[in-house]
Amino acid sequence: RTLSVDSRLSCVFAEAPEGRQPFQAPSDKVAPVGKERLQDIDVPKIAALLRDDGYLPRCLRDAKEARDIAMTPWSDSRQAPGVQVRKTTFILPVPQDFPRAVTRLVNLPSETRVTAMFRMQ
């Protein structure tokens, strides 16, 4: 079963900040959170970097302390022409900085297994 913007399985994808749809760009009146000019790089170079087999696991390992990372190769989506998809599984440490009252109610694991689908157009 596929999740979509209209899915009834989860409301997470139903609304983005400021009440706009998740796939809509903010209006010109909204200031960007950040802005950076990249010198000597273009969209094809960025796409090649993202498609590189070493980039995603390095990012997950360095930024999120992920381990046991396994990925399928990029492949063409059967549902969206022009989109490539990749399934990735890994283990992430679970932050332990929850209030003590919460940790008494819930058995908080030290790590969790994650399955993520990445899409690139």
Protein backbone atom coordinates (compact mmCIF):
# COMPACT_ATOMS: atom_id res chain seq x y z
CA ARG A 1 0.00 0.00 0.00
CA THR A 2 1.31 3.41 -0.90
CA LEU A 3 1.18 6.53 1.24
CA SER A 4 0.29 9.71 -0.58
CA VAL A 5 -0.59 13.28 0.29
CA ASP A 6 -4.23 12.16 0.42
CA SER A 7 -3.52 9.05 2.51
CA ARG A 8 -5.82 8.29 5.41
CA LEU A 9 -3.12 6.24 7.14
CA SER A 10 -1.22 9.22 8.47
CA CYS A 11 -1.94 12.92 8.84
CA VAL A 12 1.79 13.70 8.84
CA PHE A 13 1.78 14.33 5.08
CA ALA A 14 -1.52 16.22 5.01
CA GLU A 15 -0.30 19.68 5.97
CA ALA A 16 2.90 21.66 5.86
CA PRO A 17 3.80 24.81 7.82
CA GLU A 18 1.45 27.77 7.50
CA GLY A 19 -1.40 25.51 6.31
CA ARG A 20 -0.04 25.02 2.79
CA GLN A 21 0.12 21.65 1.05
CA PRO A 22 3.47 19.87 1.56
CA PHE A 23 4.32 20.09 -2.13
CA GLN A 24 3.65 23.84 -2.45
CA ALA A 25 6.45 26.39 -2.35
CA PRO A 26 6.03 29.23 0.15
CA SER A 27 4.89 32.58 -1.21
CA ASP A 28 7.36 35.37 -1.96
CA LYS A 29 6.28 37.04 1.30
CA VAL A 30 7.91 34.30 3.42
CA ALA A 31 11.61 34.83 4.11
CA PRO A 32 13.83 31.75 3.58
CA VAL A 33 15.32 30.08 6.64
CA GLY A 34 18.72 30.14 5.01
CA LYS A 35 20.33 31.16 1.76
CA GLU A 36 23.70 30.19 0.30
CA ARG A 37 25.28 30.65 -3.12
CA LEU A 38 27.24 27.62 -4.28
CA GLN A 39 30.13 28.47 -6.57
CA ASP A 40 31.08 26.28 -9.54
CA ILE A 41 28.26 23.79 -9.09
CA ASP A 42 25.07 23.13 -10.99
CA VAL A 43 22.02 20.89 -10.60
CA PRO A 44 23.50 17.94 -12.59
CA LYS A 45 26.58 17.96 -10.33
CA ILE A 46 24.39 18.00 -7.21
CA ALA A 47 22.25 15.15 -8.58
CA ALA A 48 25.40 13.12 -9.33
CA LEU A 49 26.63 13.69 -5.78
CA LEU A 50 23.29 12.56 -4.30
CA ARG A 51 23.26 9.46 -6.55
CA ASP A 52 26.78 8.48 -5.49
CA ASP A 53 26.64 5.27 -3.45
CA GLY A 54 28.85 6.71 -0.70
CA TYR A 55 27.04 10.00 -0.06
CA LEU A 56 23.85 8.87 1.71
CA PRO A 57 25.46 6.35 4.09
CA ARG A 58 28.20 8.84 4.96
CA CYS A 59 25.58 11.51 5.68
CA LEU A 60 23.51 9.14 7.84
CA ARG A 61 26.59 7.91 9.71
CA ASP A 62 28.16 11.34 10.27
CA ALA A 63 25.04 13.43 10.95
CA LYS A 64 22.77 10.89 12.66
CA GLU A 65 25.23 8.30 14.04
CA ALA A 66 23.50 5.56 12.01
CA ARG A 67 25.00 2.08 11.77
CA ASP A 68 24.29 -1.17 9.92
CA ILE A 69 23.28 0.80 6.83
CA ALA A 70 21.96 -1.21 3.87
CA MET A 71 20.62 0.29 0.65
CA THR A 72 19.08 -0.87 -2.59
CA PRO A 73 20.47 0.70 -5.75
CA TRP A 74 18.67 3.71 -7.20
CA SER A 75 15.92 2.45 -9.50
CA ASP A 76 13.19 3.99 -11.63
CA SER A 77 9.89 4.42 -9.80
CA ARG A 78 7.03 2.35 -11.18
CA GLN A 79 4.51 4.91 -9.92
CA ALA A 80 6.11 8.22 -10.91
CA PRO A 81 7.91 8.53 -14.25
CA GLY A 82 11.20 10.42 -14.02
CA VAL A 83 11.60 9.66 -10.30
CA GLN A 84 14.23 7.35 -8.85
CA VAL A 85 13.79 5.58 -5.52
CA ARG A 86 16.06 3.84 -3.05
CA LYS A 87 15.14 1.84 0.06
CA THR A 88 17.51 2.21 2.99
CA THR A 89 17.54 0.44 6.35
CA PHE A 90 19.72 1.41 9.29
CA ILE A 91 19.85 1.58 13.07
CA LEU A 92 19.72 4.95 14.85
CA PRO A 93 20.41 5.79 18.48
CA VAL A 94 17.31 7.07 20.27
CA PRO A 95 17.86 10.36 22.12
CA GLN A 96 17.69 9.77 25.87
CA ASP A 97 17.03 13.36 26.92
CA PHE A 98 13.30 12.93 27.55
CA PRO A 99 11.77 14.19 30.81
CA ARG A 100 11.97 11.65 33.61
CA ALA A 101 8.15 11.51 33.88
CA VAL A 102 7.99 10.30 30.26
CA THR A 103 10.70 7.68 30.68
CA ARG A 104 8.84 6.22 33.67
CA LEU A 105 5.76 5.67 31.50
CA VAL A 106 7.51 4.33 28.42
CA ASN A 107 10.25 1.77 28.02
CA LEU A 108 12.59 3.85 25.85
CA PRO A 109 14.98 1.76 23.73
CA SER A 110 18.58 2.86 23.26
CA GLU A 111 18.29 2.44 19.47
CA THR A 112 15.71 1.81 16.77
CA ARG A 113 15.63 0.19 13.34
CA VAL A 114 14.63 2.56 10.53
CA THR A 115 13.41 1.84 7.00
CA ALA A 116 13.35 4.88 4.73
CA MET A 117 12.42 5.38 1.09
CA PHE A 118 14.34 8.17 -0.63
CA ARG A 119 13.02 9.74 -3.84
CA MET A 120 14.90 11.87 -6.33
CA GLN A 121 13.48 13.59 -9.36
